[in-house]
Amino acid sequence: SLTDWKHNHDRLIPLGGHASRPPTHDQKDVVSKLTTGGVPFSRAQ
């Protein structure tokens, strides 16, 4: 319903970099299944 793209500062993310974004529902579901089952997975797995 409204957009205002004007910033009063320089870019924060360097060229070629990326910002962290919240996990999606699919990612949450997969993590829940992997970590609450009979054999819980580690963070690396």
PDB file of all heavy atoms in Angstrom:
ATOM      1  N   SER A   1       0.811  -1.223   0.000  1.00  0.00           N
ATOM      2  CA  SER A   1       0.000   0.000   0.000  1.00  0.00           C
ATOM      3  C   SER A   1       0.841   1.268   0.000  1.00  0.00           C
ATOM      4  O   SER A   1       0.332   2.351  -0.320  1.00  0.00           O
ATOM      5  CB  SER A   1      -0.937   0.019   1.212  1.00  0.00           C
ATOM      6  OG  SER A   1      -0.188   0.008   2.422  1.00  0.00           O
ATOM      7  N   LEU A   2       2.116   1.178   0.370  1.00  0.00           N
ATOM      8  CA  LEU A   2       2.967   2.366   0.402  1.00  0.00           C
ATOM      9  C   LEU A   2       4.423   1.946   0.287  1.00  0.00           C
ATOM     10  O   LEU A   2       4.827   0.914   0.857  1.00  0.00           O
ATOM     11  CB  LEU A   2       2.754   3.151   1.694  1.00  0.00           C
ATOM     12  CG  LEU A   2       3.546   4.455   1.871  1.00  0.00           C
ATOM     13  CD1 LEU A   2       2.717   5.473   2.646  1.00  0.00           C
ATOM     14  CD2 LEU A   2       4.861   4.190   2.630  1.00  0.00           C
ATOM     15  N   THR A   3       5.205   2.720  -0.454  1.00  0.00           N
ATOM     16  CA  THR A   3       6.641   2.471  -0.568  1.00  0.00           C
ATOM     17  C   THR A   3       7.394   3.790  -0.445  1.00  0.00           C
ATOM     18  O   THR A   3       6.954   4.820  -0.958  1.00  0.00           O
ATOM     19  CB  THR A   3       7.006   1.810  -1.910  1.00  0.00           C
ATOM     20  OG1 THR A   3       6.604   2.673  -2.981  1.00  0.00           O
ATOM     21  CG2 THR A   3       6.328   0.459  -2.064  1.00  0.00           C
ATOM     22  N   ASP A   4       8.502   3.758   0.241  1.00  0.00           N
ATOM     23  CA  ASP A   4       9.417   4.904   0.331  1.00  0.00           C
ATOM     24  C   ASP A   4      10.828   4.325   0.312  1.00  0.00           C
ATOM     25  O   ASP A   4      11.301   3.777   1.300  1.00  0.00           O
ATOM     26  CB  ASP A   4       9.168   5.697   1.613  1.00  0.00           C
ATOM     27  CG  ASP A   4      10.012   6.976   1.667  1.00  0.00           C
ATOM     28  OD1 ASP A   4      10.921   7.126   0.825  1.00  0.00           O
ATOM     29  OD2 ASP A   4       9.760   7.813   2.540  1.00  0.00           O
ATOM     30  N   TRP A   5      11.502   4.434  -0.829  1.00  0.00           N
ATOM     31  CA  TRP A   5      12.808   3.814  -1.028  1.00  0.00           C
ATOM     32  C   TRP A   5      13.970   4.762  -0.702  1.00  0.00           C
ATOM     33  O   TRP A   5      15.120   4.399  -0.921  1.00  0.00           O
ATOM     34  CB  TRP A   5      12.959   3.327  -2.463  1.00  0.00           C
ATOM     35  CG  TRP A   5      11.872   2.418  -2.934  1.00  0.00           C
ATOM     36  CD1 TRP A   5      10.943   2.664  -3.899  1.00  0.00           C
ATOM     37  CD2 TRP A   5      11.583   1.091  -2.472  1.00  0.00           C
ATOM     38  NE1 TRP A   5      10.099   1.604  -4.072  1.00  0.00           N
ATOM     39  CE2 TRP A   5      10.468   0.611  -3.213  1.00  0.00           C
ATOM     40  CE3 TRP A   5      12.152   0.253  -1.504  1.00  0.00           C
ATOM     41  CZ2 TRP A   5       9.920  -0.650  -3.016  1.00  0.00           C
ATOM     42  CZ3 TRP A   5      11.604  -1.004  -1.313  1.00  0.00           C
ATOM     43  CH2 TRP A   5      10.509  -1.444  -2.059  1.00  0.00           C
ATOM     44  N   LYS A   6      13.710   5.962  -0.221  1.00  0.00           N
ATOM     45  CA  LYS A   6      14.767   6.946  -0.004  1.00  0.00           C
ATOM     46  C   LYS A   6      15.504   6.662   1.310  1.00  0.00           C
ATOM     47  O   LYS A   6      14.894   6.612   2.369  1.00  0.00           O
ATOM     48  CB  LYS A   6      14.186   8.350   0.032  1.00  0.00           C
ATOM     49  CG  LYS A   6      13.548   8.787  -1.287  1.00  0.00           C
ATOM     50  CD  LYS A   6      12.964  10.195  -1.176  1.00  0.00           C
ATOM     51  CE  LYS A   6      12.298  10.611  -2.480  1.00  0.00           C
ATOM     52  NZ  LYS A   6      11.700  11.979  -2.387  1.00  0.00           N
ATOM     53  N   HIS A   7      16.827   6.496   1.207  1.00  0.00           N
ATOM     54  CA  HIS A   7      17.677   6.292   2.377  1.00  0.00           C
ATOM     55  C   HIS A   7      18.538   7.526   2.601  1.00  0.00           C
ATOM     56  O   HIS A   7      18.929   8.198   1.645  1.00  0.00           O
ATOM     57  CB  HIS A   7      18.585   5.069   2.180  1.00  0.00           C
ATOM     58  CG  HIS A   7      17.840   3.774   2.078  1.00  0.00           C
ATOM     59  ND1 HIS A   7      17.593   2.964   3.171  1.00  0.00           N
ATOM     60  CD2 HIS A   7      17.291   3.145   1.006  1.00  0.00           C
ATOM     61  CE1 HIS A   7      16.925   1.888   2.781  1.00  0.00           C
ATOM     62  NE2 HIS A   7      16.726   1.970   1.462  1.00  0.00           N
ATOM     63  N   ASN A   8      18.846   7.812   3.856  1.00  0.00           N
ATOM     64  CA  ASN A   8      19.702   8.947   4.169  1.00  0.00           C
ATOM     65  C   ASN A   8      21.117   8.512   4.546  1.00  0.00           C
ATOM     66  O   ASN A   8      21.815   9.197   5.297  1.00  0.00           O
ATOM     67  CB  ASN A   8      19.098   9.780   5.309  1.00  0.00           C
ATOM     68  CG  ASN A   8      19.012   8.994   6.611  1.00  0.00           C
ATOM     69  OD1 ASN A   8      19.321   7.800   6.660  1.00  0.00           O
ATOM     70  ND2 ASN A   8      18.598   9.657   7.680  1.00  0.00           N
ATOM     71  N   HIS A   9      21.545   7.377   4.049  1.00  0.00           N
ATOM     72  CA  HIS A   9      22.860   6.834   4.377  1.00  0.00           C
ATOM     73  C   HIS A   9      23.375   6.002   3.214  1.00  0.00           C
ATOM     74  O   HIS A   9      22.630   5.665   2.282  1.00  0.00           O
ATOM     75  CB  HIS A   9      22.781   5.962   5.646  1.00  0.00           C
ATOM     76  CG  HIS A   9      21.741   4.879   5.540  1.00  0.00           C
ATOM     77  ND1 HIS A   9      21.986   3.654   4.964  1.00  0.00           N
ATOM     78  CD2 HIS A   9      20.431   4.860   5.913  1.00  0.00           C
ATOM     79  CE1 HIS A   9      20.891   2.920   5.001  1.00  0.00           C
ATOM     80  NE2 HIS A   9      19.924   3.628   5.580  1.00  0.00           N
ATOM     81  N   ASP A  10      24.650   5.675   3.262  1.00  0.00           N
ATOM     82  CA  ASP A  10      25.255   4.840   2.229  1.00  0.00           C
ATOM     83  C   ASP A  10      24.841   3.389   2.412  1.00  0.00           C
ATOM     84  O   ASP A  10      24.266   3.015   3.441  1.00  0.00           O
ATOM     85  CB  ASP A  10      26.781   4.955   2.275  1.00  0.00           C
ATOM     86  CG  ASP A  10      27.256   6.359   1.913  1.00  0.00           C
ATOM     87  OD1 ASP A  10      26.613   6.977   1.045  1.00  0.00           O
ATOM     88  OD2 ASP A  10      28.247   6.825   2.515  1.00  0.00           O
ATOM     89  N   ARG A  11      25.164   2.565   1.426  1.00  0.00           N
ATOM     90  CA  ARG A  11      24.843   1.148   1.513  1.00  0.00           C
ATOM     91  C   ARG A  11      25.613   0.512   2.658  1.00  0.00           C
ATOM     92  O   ARG A  11      26.766   0.869   2.947  1.00  0.00           O
ATOM     93  CB  ARG A  11      25.131   0.444   0.189  1.00  0.00           C
ATOM     94  CG  ARG A  11      26.579   0.431  -0.242  1.00  0.00           C
ATOM     95  CD  ARG A  11      26.741  -0.247  -1.592  1.00  0.00           C
ATOM     96  NE  ARG A  11      26.308  -1.637  -1.527  1.00  0.00           N
ATOM     97  CZ  ARG A  11      25.740  -2.280  -2.548  1.00  0.00           C
ATOM     98  NH1 ARG A  11      25.515  -1.650  -3.691  1.00  0.00           N
ATOM     99  NH2 ARG A  11      25.387  -3.546  -2.420  1.00  0.00           N
ATOM    100  N   LEU A  12      24.981  -0.437   3.335  1.00  0.00           N
ATOM    101  CA  LEU A  12      25.580  -1.131   4.459  1.00  0.00           C
ATOM    102  C   LEU A  12      26.227  -2.446   4.025  1.00  0.00           C
ATOM    103  O   LEU A  12      27.277  -2.829   4.527  1.00  0.00           O
ATOM    104  CB  LEU A  12      24.517  -1.397   5.526  1.00  0.00           C
ATOM    105  CG  LEU A  12      24.959  -2.176   6.771  1.00  0.00           C
ATOM    106  CD1 LEU A  12      25.994  -1.369   7.542  1.00  0.00           C
ATOM    107  CD2 LEU A  12      23.768  -2.494   7.660  1.00  0.00           C
ATOM    108  N   ILE A  13      25.599  -3.127   3.077  1.00  0.00           N
ATOM    109  CA  ILE A  13      26.108  -4.411   2.595  1.00  0.00           C
ATOM    110  C   ILE A  13      27.105  -4.148   1.473  1.00  0.00           C
ATOM    111  O   ILE A  13      26.766  -3.481   0.491  1.00  0.00           O
ATOM    112  CB  ILE A  13      24.962  -5.301   2.088  1.00  0.00           C
ATOM    113  CG1 ILE A  13      23.887  -5.443   3.172  1.00  0.00           C
ATOM    114  CG2 ILE A  13      25.473  -6.663   1.662  1.00  0.00           C
ATOM    115  CD1 ILE A  13      22.635  -6.130   2.697  1.00  0.00           C
ATOM    116  N   PRO A  14      28.316  -4.642   1.555  1.00  0.00           N
ATOM    117  CA  PRO A  14      29.291  -4.410   0.487  1.00  0.00           C
ATOM    118  C   PRO A  14      28.881  -5.106  -0.803  1.00  0.00           C
ATOM    119  O   PRO A  14      28.061  -6.037  -0.794  1.00  0.00           O
ATOM    120  CB  PRO A  14      30.593  -4.999   1.052  1.00  0.00           C
ATOM    121  CG  PRO A  14      30.132  -6.011   2.066  1.00  0.00           C
ATOM    122  CD  PRO A  14      28.873  -5.457   2.647  1.00  0.00           C
ATOM    123  N   LEU A  15      29.433  -4.652  -1.911  1.00  0.00           N
ATOM    124  CA  LEU A  15      29.138  -5.264  -3.209  1.00  0.00           C
ATOM    125  C   LEU A  15      29.528  -6.736  -3.183  1.00  0.00           C
ATOM    126  O   LEU A  15      30.629  -7.094  -2.756  1.00  0.00           O
ATOM    127  CB  LEU A  15      29.899  -4.539  -4.324  1.00  0.00           C
ATOM    128  CG  LEU A  15      29.457  -3.097  -4.614  1.00  0.00           C
ATOM    129  CD1 LEU A  15      30.385  -2.449  -5.629  1.00  0.00           C
ATOM    130  CD2 LEU A  15      28.018  -3.079  -5.120  1.00  0.00           C
ATOM    131  N   GLY A  16      28.635  -7.583  -3.642  1.00  0.00           N
ATOM    132  CA  GLY A  16      28.878  -9.020  -3.631  1.00  0.00           C
ATOM    133  C   GLY A  16      28.473  -9.698  -2.342  1.00  0.00           C
ATOM    134  O   GLY A  16      28.472 -10.925  -2.269  1.00  0.00           O
ATOM    135  N   GLY A  17      28.114  -8.914  -1.298  1.00  0.00           N
ATOM    136  CA  GLY A  17      27.710  -9.503  -0.035  1.00  0.00           C
ATOM    137  C   GLY A  17      26.211  -9.750   0.009  1.00  0.00           C
ATOM    138  O   GLY A  17      25.481  -9.477  -0.942  1.00  0.00           O
ATOM    139  N   HIS A  18      25.740 -10.262   1.121  1.00  0.00           N
ATOM    140  CA  HIS A  18      24.306 -10.515   1.278  1.00  0.00           C
ATOM    141  C   HIS A  18      23.928 -10.334   2.738  1.00  0.00           C
ATOM    142  O   HIS A  18      24.762 -10.442   3.637  1.00  0.00           O
ATOM    143  CB  HIS A  18      23.933 -11.931   0.809  1.00  0.00           C
ATOM    144  CG  HIS A  18      24.578 -13.022   1.614  1.00  0.00           C
ATOM    145  ND1 HIS A  18      24.022 -13.516   2.770  1.00  0.00           N
ATOM    146  CD2 HIS A  18      25.747 -13.704   1.441  1.00  0.00           C
ATOM    147  CE1 HIS A  18      24.799 -14.452   3.275  1.00  0.00           C
ATOM    148  NE2 HIS A  18      25.854 -14.589   2.497  1.00  0.00           N
ATOM    149  N   ALA A  19      22.664 -10.053   2.962  1.00  0.00           N
ATOM    150  CA  ALA A  19      22.142  -9.864   4.313  1.00  0.00           C
ATOM    151  C   ALA A  19      21.420 -11.127   4.759  1.00  0.00           C
ATOM    152  O   ALA A  19      20.861 -11.861   3.944  1.00  0.00           O
ATOM    153  CB  ALA A  19      21.183  -8.673   4.345  1.00  0.00           C
ATOM    154  N   SER A  20      21.463 -11.377   6.062  1.00  0.00           N
ATOM    155  CA  SER A  20      20.747 -12.531   6.596  1.00  0.00           C
ATOM    156  C   SER A  20      19.247 -12.265   6.539  1.00  0.00           C
ATOM    157  O   SER A  20      18.789 -11.159   6.814  1.00  0.00           O
ATOM    158  CB  SER A  20      21.171 -12.791   8.047  1.00  0.00           C
ATOM    159  OG  SER A  20      20.896 -11.662   8.853  1.00  0.00           O
ATOM    160  N   ARG A  21      18.487 -13.304   6.152  1.00  0.00           N
ATOM    161  CA  ARG A  21      17.035 -13.186   6.075  1.00  0.00           C
ATOM    162  C   ARG A  21      16.386 -14.225   6.966  1.00  0.00           C
ATOM    163  O   ARG A  21      16.965 -15.277   7.226  1.00  0.00           O
ATOM    164  CB  ARG A  21      16.575 -13.367   4.621  1.00  0.00           C
ATOM    165  CG  ARG A  21      16.744 -12.133   3.765  1.00  0.00           C
ATOM    166  CD  ARG A  21      16.201 -12.366   2.375  1.00  0.00           C
ATOM    167  NE  ARG A  21      17.142 -13.094   1.541  1.00  0.00           N
ATOM    168  CZ  ARG A  21      16.821 -13.668   0.381  1.00  0.00           C
ATOM    169  NH1 ARG A  21      15.577 -13.616  -0.042  1.00  0.00           N
ATOM    170  NH2 ARG A  21      17.724 -14.304  -0.324  1.00  0.00           N
ATOM    171  N   PRO A  22      15.178 -13.958   7.451  1.00  0.00           N
ATOM    172  CA  PRO A  22      14.520 -14.909   8.342  1.00  0.00           C
ATOM    173  C   PRO A  22      14.301 -16.245   7.642  1.00  0.00           C
ATOM    174  O   PRO A  22      14.098 -16.302   6.426  1.00  0.00           O
ATOM    175  CB  PRO A  22      13.177 -14.230   8.667  1.00  0.00           C
ATOM    176  CG  PRO A  22      13.396 -12.780   8.369  1.00  0.00           C
ATOM    177  CD  PRO A  22      14.370 -12.735   7.234  1.00  0.00           C
ATOM    178  N   PRO A  23      14.339 -17.350   8.376  1.00  0.00           N
ATOM    179  CA  PRO A  23      14.086 -18.664   7.773  1.00  0.00           C
ATOM    180  C   PRO A  23      12.648 -18.780   7.283  1.00  0.00           C
ATOM    181  O   PRO A  23      11.733 -18.192   7.856  1.00  0.00           O
ATOM    182  CB  PRO A  23      14.378 -19.647   8.909  1.00  0.00           C
ATOM    183  CG  PRO A  23      14.203 -18.843  10.164  1.00  0.00           C
ATOM    184  CD  PRO A  23      14.640 -17.451   9.817  1.00  0.00           C
ATOM    185  N   THR A  24      12.447 -19.543   6.225  1.00  0.00           N
ATOM    186  CA  THR A  24      11.115 -19.749   5.669  1.00  0.00           C
ATOM    187  C   THR A  24      10.391 -20.847   6.451  1.00  0.00           C
ATOM    188  O   THR A  24      10.980 -21.566   7.263  1.00  0.00           O
ATOM    189  CB  THR A  24      11.211 -20.148   4.191  1.00  0.00           C
ATOM    190  OG1 THR A  24      11.899 -21.419   4.083  1.00  0.00           O
ATOM    191  CG2 THR A  24      11.995 -19.104   3.393  1.00  0.00           C
ATOM    192  N   HIS A  25       9.080 -20.992   6.168  1.00  0.00           N
ATOM    193  CA  HIS A  25       8.297 -22.046   6.828  1.00  0.00           C
ATOM    194  C   HIS A  25       8.815 -23.431   6.439  1.00  0.00           C
ATOM    195  O   HIS A  25       8.843 -24.342   7.284  1.00  0.00           O
ATOM    196  CB  HIS A  25       6.823 -21.907   6.450  1.00  0.00           C
ATOM    197  CG  HIS A  25       6.149 -20.707   7.050  1.00  0.00           C
ATOM    198  ND1 HIS A  25       6.009 -20.545   8.414  1.00  0.00           N
ATOM    199  CD2 HIS A  25       5.599 -19.607   6.480  1.00  0.00           C
ATOM    200  CE1 HIS A  25       5.385 -19.402   8.656  1.00  0.00           C
ATOM    201  NE2 HIS A  25       5.137 -18.807   7.502  1.00  0.00           N
ATOM    202  N   ASP A  26       9.219 -23.606   5.182  1.00  0.00           N
ATOM    203  CA  ASP A  26       9.759 -24.905   4.756  1.00  0.00           C
ATOM    204  C   ASP A  26      11.037 -25.238   5.512  1.00  0.00           C
ATOM    205  O   ASP A  26      11.248 -26.391   5.920  1.00  0.00           O
ATOM    206  CB  ASP A  26      10.041 -24.889   3.245  1.00  0.00           C
ATOM    207  CG  ASP A  26       8.764 -24.822   2.423  1.00  0.00           C
ATOM    208  OD1 ASP A  26       7.697 -25.178   2.965  1.00  0.00           O
ATOM    209  OD2 ASP A  26       8.830 -24.407   1.251  1.00  0.00           O
ATOM    210  N   GLN A  27      11.896 -24.244   5.707  1.00  0.00           N
ATOM    211  CA  GLN A  27      13.127 -24.484   6.457  1.00  0.00           C
ATOM    212  C   GLN A  27      12.830 -24.828   7.908  1.00  0.00           C
ATOM    213  O   GLN A  27      13.458 -25.711   8.488  1.00  0.00           O
ATOM    214  CB  GLN A  27      14.035 -23.256   6.364  1.00  0.00           C
ATOM    215  CG  GLN A  27      14.635 -23.043   4.981  1.00  0.00           C
ATOM    216  CD  GLN A  27      15.403 -21.738   4.870  1.00  0.00           C
ATOM    217  OE1 GLN A  27      15.046 -20.750   5.498  1.00  0.00           O
ATOM    218  NE2 GLN A  27      16.453 -21.729   4.063  1.00  0.00           N
ATOM    219  N   LYS A  28      11.852 -24.143   8.502  1.00  0.00           N
ATOM    220  CA  LYS A  28      11.482 -24.439   9.879  1.00  0.00           C
ATOM    221  C   LYS A  28      10.947 -25.858  10.005  1.00  0.00           C
ATOM    222  O   LYS A  28      11.264 -26.574  10.977  1.00  0.00           O
ATOM    223  CB  LYS A  28      10.437 -23.437  10.366  1.00  0.00           C
ATOM    224  CG  LYS A  28      10.958 -22.014  10.529  1.00  0.00           C
ATOM    225  CD  LYS A  28       9.839 -21.086  11.007  1.00  0.00           C
ATOM    226  CE  LYS A  28      10.328 -19.663  11.158  1.00  0.00           C
ATOM    227  NZ  LYS A  28       9.249 -18.743  11.609  1.00  0.00           N
ATOM    228  N   ASP A  29      10.124 -26.290   9.050  1.00  0.00           N
ATOM    229  CA  ASP A  29       9.553 -27.638   9.092  1.00  0.00           C
ATOM    230  C   ASP A  29      10.646 -28.698   8.978  1.00  0.00           C
ATOM    231  O   ASP A  29      10.626 -29.700   9.705  1.00  0.00           O
ATOM    232  CB  ASP A  29       8.534 -27.811   7.964  1.00  0.00           C
ATOM    233  CG  ASP A  29       7.280 -26.981   8.173  1.00  0.00           C
ATOM    234  OD1 ASP A  29       7.032 -26.587   9.335  1.00  0.00           O
ATOM    235  OD2 ASP A  29       6.557 -26.723   7.190  1.00  0.00           O
ATOM    236  N   VAL A  30      11.597 -28.482   8.056  1.00  0.00           N
ATOM    237  CA  VAL A  30      12.677 -29.458   7.872  1.00  0.00           C
ATOM    238  C   VAL A  30      13.542 -29.552   9.115  1.00  0.00           C
ATOM    239  O   VAL A  30      13.880 -30.647   9.585  1.00  0.00           O
ATOM    240  CB  VAL A  30      13.532 -29.077   6.648  1.00  0.00           C
ATOM    241  CG1 VAL A  30      14.787 -29.944   6.574  1.00  0.00           C
ATOM    242  CG2 VAL A  30      12.731 -29.231   5.368  1.00  0.00           C
ATOM    243  N   VAL A  31      13.895 -28.402   9.696  1.00  0.00           N
ATOM    244  CA  VAL A  31      14.726 -28.400  10.900  1.00  0.00           C
ATOM    245  C   VAL A  31      13.997 -29.089  12.052  1.00  0.00           C
ATOM    246  O   VAL A  31      14.590 -29.856  12.816  1.00  0.00           O
ATOM    247  CB  VAL A  31      15.111 -26.964  11.285  1.00  0.00           C
ATOM    248  CG1 VAL A  31      15.826 -26.953  12.632  1.00  0.00           C
ATOM    249  CG2 VAL A  31      16.010 -26.353  10.218  1.00  0.00           C
ATOM    250  N   SER A  32      12.684 -28.850  12.179  1.00  0.00           N
ATOM    251  CA  SER A  32      11.916 -29.476  13.247  1.00  0.00           C
ATOM    252  C   SER A  32      11.904 -30.994  13.109  1.00  0.00           C
ATOM    253  O   SER A  32      12.062 -31.726  14.096  1.00  0.00           O
ATOM    254  CB  SER A  32      10.490 -28.928  13.244  1.00  0.00           C
ATOM    255  OG  SER A  32       9.698 -29.559  14.234  1.00  0.00           O
ATOM    256  N   LYS A  33      11.732 -31.487  11.881  1.00  0.00           N
ATOM    257  CA  LYS A  33      11.703 -32.932  11.655  1.00  0.00           C
ATOM    258  C   LYS A  33      13.059 -33.573  11.910  1.00  0.00           C
ATOM    259  O   LYS A  33      13.146 -34.701  12.400  1.00  0.00           O
ATOM    260  CB  LYS A  33      11.245 -33.221  10.231  1.00  0.00           C
ATOM    261  CG  LYS A  33       9.791 -32.843   9.956  1.00  0.00           C
ATOM    262  CD  LYS A  33       9.421 -33.082   8.505  1.00  0.00           C
ATOM    263  CE  LYS A  33       7.975 -32.676   8.234  1.00  0.00           C
ATOM    264  NZ  LYS A  33       7.608 -32.848   6.802  1.00  0.00           N
ATOM    265  N   LEU A  34      14.132 -32.856  11.556  1.00  0.00           N
ATOM    266  CA  LEU A  34      15.471 -33.423  11.698  1.00  0.00           C
ATOM    267  C   LEU A  34      15.969 -33.417  13.137  1.00  0.00           C
ATOM    268  O   LEU A  34      16.794 -34.261  13.514  1.00  0.00           O
ATOM    269  CB  LEU A  34      16.465 -32.656  10.820  1.00  0.00           C
ATOM    270  CG  LEU A  34      16.281 -32.758   9.305  1.00  0.00           C
ATOM    271  CD1 LEU A  34      17.304 -31.894   8.587  1.00  0.00           C
ATOM    272  CD2 LEU A  34      16.391 -34.202   8.840  1.00  0.00           C
ATOM    273  N   THR A  35      15.496 -32.471  13.938  1.00  0.00           N
ATOM    274  CA  THR A  35      16.057 -32.302  15.286  1.00  0.00           C
ATOM    275  C   THR A  35      15.180 -32.844  16.402  1.00  0.00           C
ATOM    276  O   THR A  35      15.609 -32.861  17.555  1.00  0.00           O
ATOM    277  CB  THR A  35      16.338 -30.807  15.563  1.00  0.00           C
ATOM    278  OG1 THR A  35      15.126 -30.066  15.385  1.00  0.00           O
ATOM    279  CG2 THR A  35      17.386 -30.283  14.609  1.00  0.00           C
ATOM    280  N   THR A  36      13.957 -33.259  16.099  1.00  0.00           N
ATOM    281  CA  THR A  36      13.084 -33.788  17.153  1.00  0.00           C
ATOM    282  C   THR A  36      12.719 -35.239  16.910  1.00  0.00           C
ATOM    283  O   THR A  36      11.836 -35.765  17.574  1.00  0.00           O
ATOM    284  CB  THR A  36      11.788 -32.948  17.253  1.00  0.00           C
ATOM    285  OG1 THR A  36      11.109 -32.962  15.983  1.00  0.00           O
ATOM    286  CG2 THR A  36      12.111 -31.514  17.636  1.00  0.00           C
ATOM    287  N   GLY A  37      13.385 -35.889  15.956  1.00  0.00           N
ATOM    288  CA  GLY A  37      13.104 -37.293  15.675  1.00  0.00           C
ATOM    289  C   GLY A  37      13.882 -38.213  16.609  1.00  0.00           C
ATOM    290  O   GLY A  37      14.450 -37.798  17.621  1.00  0.00           O
ATOM    291  N   GLY A  38      13.922 -39.484  16.231  1.00  0.00           N
ATOM    292  CA  GLY A  38      14.625 -40.462  17.052  1.00  0.00           C
ATOM    293  C   GLY A  38      16.121 -40.206  17.098  1.00  0.00           C
ATOM    294  O   GLY A  38      16.768 -40.432  18.117  1.00  0.00           O
ATOM    295  N   VAL A  39      16.699 -39.750  15.973  1.00  0.00           N
ATOM    296  CA  VAL A  39      18.132 -39.458  15.900  1.00  0.00           C
ATOM    297  C   VAL A  39      18.279 -37.985  15.549  1.00  0.00           C
ATOM    298  O   VAL A  39      18.283 -37.608  14.380  1.00  0.00           O
ATOM    299  CB  VAL A  39      18.834 -40.337  14.843  1.00  0.00           C
ATOM    300  CG1 VAL A  39      20.328 -40.055  14.846  1.00  0.00           C
ATOM    301  CG2 VAL A  39      18.557 -41.816  15.118  1.00  0.00           C
ATOM    302  N   PRO A  40      18.367 -37.095  16.547  1.00  0.00           N
ATOM    303  CA  PRO A  40      18.468 -35.658  16.262  1.00  0.00           C
ATOM    304  C   PRO A  40      19.742 -35.313  15.507  1.00  0.00           C
ATOM    305  O   PRO A  40      20.818 -35.825  15.811  1.00  0.00           O
ATOM    306  CB  PRO A  40      18.440 -35.022  17.657  1.00  0.00           C
ATOM    307  CG  PRO A  40      18.911 -36.101  18.577  1.00  0.00           C
ATOM    308  CD  PRO A  40      18.421 -37.389  17.986  1.00  0.00           C
ATOM    309  N   PHE A  41      19.612 -34.442  14.511  1.00  0.00           N
ATOM    310  CA  PHE A  41      20.731 -34.020  13.695  1.00  0.00           C
ATOM    311  C   PHE A  41      21.461 -32.861  14.368  1.00  0.00           C
ATOM    312  O   PHE A  41      20.875 -32.063  15.094  1.00  0.00           O
ATOM    313  CB  PHE A  41      20.250 -33.578  12.321  1.00  0.00           C
ATOM    314  CG  PHE A  41      19.918 -34.718  11.393  1.00  0.00           C
ATOM    315  CD1 PHE A  41      19.128 -35.784  11.813  1.00  0.00           C
ATOM    316  CD2 PHE A  41      20.403 -34.734  10.097  1.00  0.00           C
ATOM    317  CE1 PHE A  41      18.818 -36.824  10.965  1.00  0.00           C
ATOM    318  CE2 PHE A  41      20.094 -35.770   9.236  1.00  0.00           C
ATOM    319  CZ  PHE A  41      19.299 -36.822   9.670  1.00  0.00           C
ATOM    320  N   SER A  42      22.748 -32.745  14.081  1.00  0.00           N
ATOM    321  CA  SER A  42      23.531 -31.626  14.587  1.00  0.00           C
ATOM    322  C   SER A  42      23.336 -30.415  13.679  1.00  0.00           C
ATOM    323  O   SER A  42      22.719 -30.509  12.614  1.00  0.00           O
ATOM    324  CB  SER A  42      25.010 -31.992  14.646  1.00  0.00           C
ATOM    325  OG  SER A  42      25.521 -32.203  13.332  1.00  0.00           O
ATOM    326  N   ARG A  43      23.882 -29.264  14.087  1.00  0.00           N
ATOM    327  CA  ARG A  43      23.736 -28.049  13.291  1.00  0.00           C
ATOM    328  C   ARG A  43      24.404 -28.197  11.927  1.00  0.00           C
ATOM    329  O   ARG A  43      23.853 -27.759  10.909  1.00  0.00           O
ATOM    330  CB  ARG A  43      24.325 -26.857  14.045  1.00  0.00           C
ATOM    331  CG  ARG A  43      24.093 -25.521  13.379  1.00  0.00           C
ATOM    332  CD  ARG A  43      24.522 -24.371  14.264  1.00  0.00           C
ATOM    333  NE  ARG A  43      25.954 -24.349  14.476  1.00  0.00           N
ATOM    334  CZ  ARG A  43      26.586 -23.424  15.190  1.00  0.00           C
ATOM    335  NH1 ARG A  43      25.885 -22.468  15.799  1.00  0.00           N
ATOM    336  NH2 ARG A  43      27.895 -23.458  15.345  1.00  0.00           N
ATOM    337  N   ALA A  44      25.588 -28.814  11.903  1.00  0.00           N
ATOM    338  CA  ALA A  44      26.295 -29.002  10.636  1.00  0.00           C
ATOM    339  C   ALA A  44      25.518 -29.933   9.708  1.00  0.00           C
ATOM    340  O   ALA A  44      25.454 -29.708   8.493  1.00  0.00           O
ATOM    341  CB  ALA A  44      27.693 -29.547  10.890  1.00  0.00           C
ATOM    342  N   GLN A  45      24.913 -30.975  10.260  1.00  0.00           N
ATOM    343  CA  GLN A  45      24.140 -31.912   9.439  1.00  0.00           C
ATOM    344  C   GLN A  45      22.883 -31.248   8.888  1.00  0.00           C
ATOM    345  O   GLN A  45      22.510 -31.475   7.739  1.00  0.00           O
ATOM    346  CB  GLN A  45      23.775 -33.137  10.272  1.00  0.00           C
ATOM    347  CG  GLN A  45      24.966 -34.016  10.630  1.00  0.00           C
ATOM    348  CD  GLN A  45      24.596 -35.116  11.617  1.00  0.00           C
ATOM    349  OE1 GLN A  45      23.764 -34.924  12.507  1.00  0.00           O
ATOM    350  NE2 GLN A  45      25.226 -36.268  11.482  1.00  0.00           N
TER     351      GLN A  45
END
